[in-house]
Amino acid sequence: MNINEIIDRIYPLPMASKESLKKFITEINHPKGFCLMESNKVIPQIYFLKKGIARAYASTENNDITFWFGTEGEPIVSMKSYVDEKPGYESIELLEDCELYQLETKKLKQLFNEDIHIANWGRKFAERELIKTEELIISRQYKTALERYKDLLREKPYLLQRVQLGHIASYLGITQVSLSRIRAEIK
């Protein structure tokens, strides 16, 4: 997905504003397994996935808990770093070779002060990330594992071909054994 499409998915900008924003965006590539963001560190960039898939996870003493998958066109951001310039709690691992667009948060915030359209784009960006977080919390609190799996099949079926089942199970908040039972039940 190209950067113009990604920008417009968040919030369409006038051409001059879009060009100002794009001046600060660079393309980078990283291999599968690369840790794009580490927990407990301030991340001074936001990223957009041009090609590939990534996961966000938090580590506990015994395992990693996956709570997000990002695919083409989606932003990758530590909101705590983005908003407060404080260390984030998540790590981001690339699950495929990835092509990314990188934007320095400091440059973006500078543009917010110079261009009201870009400031509105940034507001819409943050609002969308808030809604994703809200939906995740509601899903985890009020839906059964079977309902969460059915939602995944309906909304992101391609994840089952691109992501290890262990990560899927962790994302659903269940064990791999429970995921196998659910999958057998649905077939």
C-alpha atoms as a PDB file:
ATOM      1  CA  MET A   1       0.000   0.000   0.000  1.00  0.00           C
ATOM      2  CA  ASN A   2       1.481   3.360  -0.912  1.00  0.00           C
ATOM      3  CA  ILE A   3       1.860   6.275   1.466  1.00  0.00           C
ATOM      4  CA  ASN A   4      -0.823   8.397  -0.207  1.00  0.00           C
ATOM      5  CA  GLU A   5      -3.417   5.658   0.390  1.00  0.00           C
ATOM      6  CA  ILE A   6      -2.297   5.242   3.985  1.00  0.00           C
ATOM      7  CA  ILE A   7      -2.486   8.962   4.715  1.00  0.00           C
ATOM      8  CA  ASP A   8      -5.937   9.229   3.117  1.00  0.00           C
ATOM      9  CA  ARG A   9      -7.264   6.228   5.070  1.00  0.00           C
ATOM     10  CA  ILE A  10      -6.574   8.127   8.271  1.00  0.00           C
ATOM     11  CA  TYR A  11      -7.891  11.478   7.078  1.00  0.00           C
ATOM     12  CA  PRO A  12      -7.750  13.026   3.589  1.00  0.00           C
ATOM     13  CA  LEU A  13      -5.426  16.007   3.361  1.00  0.00           C
ATOM     14  CA  PRO A  14      -5.208  18.823   0.840  1.00  0.00           C
ATOM     15  CA  MET A  15      -2.372  18.122  -1.598  1.00  0.00           C
ATOM     16  CA  ALA A  16      -0.057  20.825  -0.193  1.00  0.00           C
ATOM     17  CA  SER A  17      -0.449  19.456   3.349  1.00  0.00           C
ATOM     18  CA  LYS A  18       0.068  15.896   2.176  1.00  0.00           C
ATOM     19  CA  GLU A  19       3.260  16.898   0.373  1.00  0.00           C
ATOM     20  CA  SER A  20       4.527  18.698   3.514  1.00  0.00           C
ATOM     21  CA  LEU A  21       3.899  15.564   5.559  1.00  0.00           C
ATOM     22  CA  LYS A  22       5.497  13.250   2.995  1.00  0.00           C
ATOM     23  CA  LYS A  23       8.743  15.275   3.078  1.00  0.00           C
ATOM     24  CA  PHE A  24       9.391  13.794   6.524  1.00  0.00           C
ATOM     25  CA  ILE A  25       8.470  10.200   5.668  1.00  0.00           C
ATOM     26  CA  THR A  26      11.173   7.746   4.651  1.00  0.00           C
ATOM     27  CA  GLU A  27      10.943   4.164   3.416  1.00  0.00           C
ATOM     28  CA  ILE A  28      12.818   1.478   5.328  1.00  0.00           C
ATOM     29  CA  ASN A  29      13.008  -2.329   5.221  1.00  0.00           C
ATOM     30  CA  HIS A  30      13.558  -4.831   8.008  1.00  0.00           C
ATOM     31  CA  PRO A  31      13.663  -8.647   7.987  1.00  0.00           C
ATOM     32  CA  LYS A  32      11.281 -11.097   9.596  1.00  0.00           C
ATOM     33  CA  GLY A  33      11.984 -11.378  13.326  1.00  0.00           C
ATOM     34  CA  PHE A  34      13.287  -7.812  13.661  1.00  0.00           C
ATOM     35  CA  CYS A  35      12.229  -6.033  16.859  1.00  0.00           C
ATOM     36  CA  LEU A  36      10.971  -2.673  15.611  1.00  0.00           C
ATOM     37  CA  MET A  37      10.119  -1.385  19.092  1.00  0.00           C
ATOM     38  CA  GLU A  38      11.271  -2.536  22.510  1.00  0.00           C
ATOM     39  CA  SER A  39       9.246  -2.201  25.677  1.00  0.00           C
ATOM     40  CA  ASN A  40      10.415   0.266  28.310  1.00  0.00           C
ATOM     41  CA  LYS A  41      11.989   2.544  25.693  1.00  0.00           C
ATOM     42  CA  VAL A  42      10.819   5.838  24.254  1.00  0.00           C
ATOM     43  CA  ILE A  43      10.124   5.297  20.560  1.00  0.00           C
ATOM     44  CA  PRO A  44      10.640   8.578  18.671  1.00  0.00           C
ATOM     45  CA  GLN A  45       9.003   7.374  15.433  1.00  0.00           C
ATOM     46  CA  ILE A  46       5.717   6.115  14.125  1.00  0.00           C
ATOM     47  CA  TYR A  47       5.594   3.654  11.252  1.00  0.00           C
ATOM     48  CA  PHE A  48       3.134   2.614   8.591  1.00  0.00           C
ATOM     49  CA  LEU A  49       3.227  -0.850   7.058  1.00  0.00           C
ATOM     50  CA  LYS A  50       3.694  -0.719   3.319  1.00  0.00           C
ATOM     51  CA  LYS A  51       4.123  -4.499   3.096  1.00  0.00           C
ATOM     52  CA  GLY A  52       4.250  -7.221   5.727  1.00  0.00           C
ATOM     53  CA  ILE A  53       2.819  -8.037   9.118  1.00  0.00           C
ATOM     54  CA  ALA A  54       3.796  -7.226  12.702  1.00  0.00           C
ATOM     55  CA  ARG A  55       2.626  -8.047  16.190  1.00  0.00           C
ATOM     56  CA  ALA A  56       2.606  -6.100  19.431  1.00  0.00           C
ATOM     57  CA  TYR A  57       3.162  -8.006  22.625  1.00  0.00           C
ATOM     58  CA  ALA A  58       3.901  -7.551  26.288  1.00  0.00           C
ATOM     59  CA  SER A  59       6.215  -9.940  28.081  1.00  0.00           C
ATOM     60  CA  THR A  60       5.466 -11.580  31.388  1.00  0.00           C
ATOM     61  CA  GLU A  61       7.733 -13.786  33.429  1.00  0.00           C
ATOM     62  CA  ASN A  62       6.411 -16.905  31.685  1.00  0.00           C
ATOM     63  CA  ASN A  63       5.378 -15.830  28.194  1.00  0.00           C
ATOM     64  CA  ASP A  64       4.606 -13.127  25.678  1.00  0.00           C
ATOM     65  CA  ILE A  65       1.034 -11.889  25.336  1.00  0.00           C
ATOM     66  CA  THR A  66       0.154 -10.768  21.825  1.00  0.00           C
ATOM     67  CA  PHE A  67      -2.499  -8.058  21.762  1.00  0.00           C
ATOM     68  CA  TRP A  68      -2.310  -6.617  18.244  1.00  0.00           C
ATOM     69  CA  PHE A  69      -1.499  -7.565  14.664  1.00  0.00           C
ATOM     70  CA  GLY A  70      -0.765  -4.967  12.016  1.00  0.00           C
ATOM     71  CA  THR A  71      -0.887  -5.534   8.296  1.00  0.00           C
ATOM     72  CA  GLU A  72      -0.508  -3.475   5.146  1.00  0.00           C
ATOM     73  CA  GLY A  73      -1.672   0.103   5.525  1.00  0.00           C
ATOM     74  CA  GLU A  74      -1.772   0.111   9.315  1.00  0.00           C
ATOM     75  CA  PRO A  75       0.185   2.358  11.660  1.00  0.00           C
ATOM     76  CA  ILE A  76       2.666   1.008  14.171  1.00  0.00           C
ATOM     77  CA  VAL A  77       2.962   3.292  17.150  1.00  0.00           C
ATOM     78  CA  SER A  78       3.689   3.263  20.848  1.00  0.00           C
ATOM     79  CA  MET A  79       0.969   5.654  21.970  1.00  0.00           C
ATOM     80  CA  LYS A  80       2.678   6.289  25.293  1.00  0.00           C
ATOM     81  CA  SER A  81       5.818   7.433  23.452  1.00  0.00           C
ATOM     82  CA  TYR A  82       3.786   9.321  20.846  1.00  0.00           C
ATOM     83  CA  VAL A  83       1.612  11.240  23.316  1.00  0.00           C
ATOM     84  CA  ASP A  84       3.757  11.574  26.443  1.00  0.00           C
ATOM     85  CA  GLU A  85       7.291  10.872  25.188  1.00  0.00           C
ATOM     86  CA  LYS A  86       7.540   8.147  27.834  1.00  0.00           C
ATOM     87  CA  PRO A  87       8.657   4.529  27.499  1.00  0.00           C
ATOM     88  CA  GLY A  88       6.030   2.227  26.047  1.00  0.00           C
ATOM     89  CA  TYR A  89       4.995  -1.084  27.509  1.00  0.00           C
ATOM     90  CA  GLU A  90       4.858  -3.012  24.229  1.00  0.00           C
ATOM     91  CA  SER A  91       7.371  -4.620  21.930  1.00  0.00           C
ATOM     92  CA  ILE A  92       6.760  -4.848  18.186  1.00  0.00           C
ATOM     93  CA  GLU A  93       8.104  -7.830  16.244  1.00  0.00           C
ATOM     94  CA  LEU A  94       7.992  -8.154  12.466  1.00  0.00           C
ATOM     95  CA  LEU A  95       6.459 -11.492  11.475  1.00  0.00           C
ATOM     96  CA  GLU A  96       7.448 -11.162   7.804  1.00  0.00           C
ATOM     97  CA  ASP A  97      10.050  -9.202   5.884  1.00  0.00           C
ATOM     98  CA  CYS A  98       8.544  -5.716   6.022  1.00  0.00           C
ATOM     99  CA  GLU A  99       8.604  -2.531   4.018  1.00  0.00           C
ATOM    100  CA  LEU A 100       7.716   0.418   6.219  1.00  0.00           C
ATOM    101  CA  TYR A 101       7.241   4.148   6.109  1.00  0.00           C
ATOM    102  CA  GLN A 102       8.914   5.914   9.027  1.00  0.00           C
ATOM    103  CA  LEU A 103       7.979   9.318  10.438  1.00  0.00           C
ATOM    104  CA  GLU A 104       9.782  11.091  13.282  1.00  0.00           C
ATOM    105  CA  THR A 105       7.253  12.060  15.940  1.00  0.00           C
ATOM    106  CA  LYS A 106       9.093  15.322  16.634  1.00  0.00           C
ATOM    107  CA  LYS A 107       8.775  16.368  12.977  1.00  0.00           C
ATOM    108  CA  LEU A 108       5.096  15.424  12.926  1.00  0.00           C
ATOM    109  CA  LYS A 109       4.393  17.517  16.032  1.00  0.00           C
ATOM    110  CA  GLN A 110       6.242  20.413  14.428  1.00  0.00           C
ATOM    111  CA  LEU A 111       3.910  20.103  11.417  1.00  0.00           C
ATOM    112  CA  PHE A 112       0.884  20.124  13.761  1.00  0.00           C
ATOM    113  CA  ASN A 113       1.886  23.666  14.765  1.00  0.00           C
ATOM    114  CA  GLU A 114       2.371  24.778  11.159  1.00  0.00           C
ATOM    115  CA  ASP A 115      -0.601  23.256   9.346  1.00  0.00           C
ATOM    116  CA  ILE A 116      -4.135  22.892  10.748  1.00  0.00           C
ATOM    117  CA  HIS A 117      -4.928  20.150   8.213  1.00  0.00           C
ATOM    118  CA  ILE A 118      -2.019  18.044   9.436  1.00  0.00           C
ATOM    119  CA  ALA A 119      -3.041  18.774  13.038  1.00  0.00           C
ATOM    120  CA  ASN A 120      -6.518  17.452  12.228  1.00  0.00           C
ATOM    121  CA  TRP A 121      -4.952  14.436  10.523  1.00  0.00           C
ATOM    122  CA  GLY A 122      -2.980  13.773  13.730  1.00  0.00           C
ATOM    123  CA  ARG A 123      -6.146  14.067  15.804  1.00  0.00           C
ATOM    124  CA  LYS A 124      -7.917  11.538  13.572  1.00  0.00           C
ATOM    125  CA  PHE A 125      -4.885   9.257  13.783  1.00  0.00           C
ATOM    126  CA  ALA A 126      -4.985   9.317  17.605  1.00  0.00           C
ATOM    127  CA  GLU A 127      -8.781   8.870  17.651  1.00  0.00           C
ATOM    128  CA  ARG A 128      -8.541   5.764  15.449  1.00  0.00           C
ATOM    129  CA  GLU A 129      -5.887   4.262  17.703  1.00  0.00           C
ATOM    130  CA  LEU A 130      -8.100   4.962  20.738  1.00  0.00           C
ATOM    131  CA  ILE A 131     -11.048   3.184  19.109  1.00  0.00           C
ATOM    132  CA  LYS A 132      -8.877   0.131  18.322  1.00  0.00           C
ATOM    133  CA  THR A 133      -7.807  -0.028  21.961  1.00  0.00           C
ATOM    134  CA  GLU A 134     -11.387   0.344  23.176  1.00  0.00           C
ATOM    135  CA  GLU A 135     -12.579  -2.450  20.865  1.00  0.00           C
ATOM    136  CA  LEU A 136      -9.800  -4.747  22.104  1.00  0.00           C
ATOM    137  CA  ILE A 137     -10.673  -4.129  25.756  1.00  0.00           C
ATOM    138  CA  ILE A 138     -14.391  -4.690  25.168  1.00  0.00           C
ATOM    139  CA  SER A 139     -13.713  -7.876  23.199  1.00  0.00           C
ATOM    140  CA  ARG A 140     -11.461  -9.284  25.911  1.00  0.00           C
ATOM    141  CA  GLN A 141     -13.866  -8.396  28.711  1.00  0.00           C
ATOM    142  CA  TYR A 142     -17.228  -9.312  27.235  1.00  0.00           C
ATOM    143  CA  LYS A 143     -16.763 -11.951  24.557  1.00  0.00           C
ATOM    144  CA  THR A 144     -16.012 -15.628  24.854  1.00  0.00           C
ATOM    145  CA  ALA A 145     -12.957 -17.158  23.200  1.00  0.00           C
ATOM    146  CA  LEU A 146     -15.233 -18.676  20.547  1.00  0.00           C
ATOM    147  CA  GLU A 147     -16.772 -15.266  19.791  1.00  0.00           C
ATOM    148  CA  ARG A 148     -13.319 -13.666  19.595  1.00  0.00           C
ATOM    149  CA  TYR A 149     -12.165 -16.398  17.186  1.00  0.00           C
ATOM    150  CA  LYS A 150     -15.253 -15.942  14.997  1.00  0.00           C
ATOM    151  CA  ASP A 151     -14.604 -12.180  14.956  1.00  0.00           C
ATOM    152  CA  LEU A 152     -11.045 -12.888  13.828  1.00  0.00           C
ATOM    153  CA  LEU A 153     -12.291 -15.190  11.048  1.00  0.00           C
ATOM    154  CA  ARG A 154     -14.756 -12.535   9.894  1.00  0.00           C
ATOM    155  CA  GLU A 155     -12.514  -9.472  10.174  1.00  0.00           C
ATOM    156  CA  LYS A 156      -8.978 -10.775   9.513  1.00  0.00           C
ATOM    157  CA  PRO A 157      -9.110 -14.328   8.100  1.00  0.00           C
ATOM    158  CA  TYR A 158      -5.747 -13.870   6.362  1.00  0.00           C
ATOM    159  CA  LEU A 159      -4.006 -13.883   9.753  1.00  0.00           C
ATOM    160  CA  LEU A 160      -4.507 -17.639   9.978  1.00  0.00           C
ATOM    161  CA  GLN A 161      -2.315 -18.111   6.886  1.00  0.00           C
ATOM    162  CA  ARG A 162       0.323 -15.569   7.885  1.00  0.00           C
ATOM    163  CA  VAL A 163       0.711 -15.892  11.664  1.00  0.00           C
ATOM    164  CA  GLN A 164       1.800 -18.768  13.900  1.00  0.00           C
ATOM    165  CA  LEU A 165      -1.080 -20.361  15.792  1.00  0.00           C
ATOM    166  CA  GLY A 166       0.721 -19.713  19.084  1.00  0.00           C
ATOM    167  CA  HIS A 167       0.520 -15.967  18.423  1.00  0.00           C
ATOM    168  CA  ILE A 168      -3.160 -16.288  17.414  1.00  0.00           C
ATOM    169  CA  ALA A 169      -3.953 -18.170  20.627  1.00  0.00           C
ATOM    170  CA  SER A 170      -2.146 -15.552  22.709  1.00  0.00           C
ATOM    171  CA  TYR A 171      -4.028 -12.778  20.891  1.00  0.00           C
ATOM    172  CA  LEU A 172      -7.336 -14.511  21.699  1.00  0.00           C
ATOM    173  CA  GLY A 173      -6.285 -14.939  25.330  1.00  0.00           C
ATOM    174  CA  ILE A 174      -6.354 -18.752  25.218  1.00  0.00           C
ATOM    175  CA  THR A 175      -3.948 -21.680  25.002  1.00  0.00           C
ATOM    176  CA  GLN A 176      -3.055 -23.394  21.753  1.00  0.00           C
ATOM    177  CA  VAL A 177      -4.949 -26.476  22.956  1.00  0.00           C
ATOM    178  CA  SER A 178      -8.099 -24.392  23.438  1.00  0.00           C
ATOM    179  CA  LEU A 179      -7.607 -22.827  20.009  1.00  0.00           C
ATOM    180  CA  SER A 180      -7.368 -26.295  18.464  1.00  0.00           C
ATOM    181  CA  ARG A 181     -10.629 -27.292  20.176  1.00  0.00           C
ATOM    182  CA  ILE A 182     -12.389 -24.164  18.922  1.00  0.00           C
ATOM    183  CA  ARG A 183     -11.120 -24.705  15.385  1.00  0.00           C
ATOM    184  CA  ALA A 184     -12.300 -28.347  15.451  1.00  0.00           C
ATOM    185  CA  GLU A 185     -15.693 -27.255  16.782  1.00  0.00           C
ATOM    186  CA  ILE A 186     -16.207 -24.772  13.929  1.00  0.00           C
ATOM    187  CA  LYS A 187     -15.221 -27.152  11.111  1.00  0.00           C
END
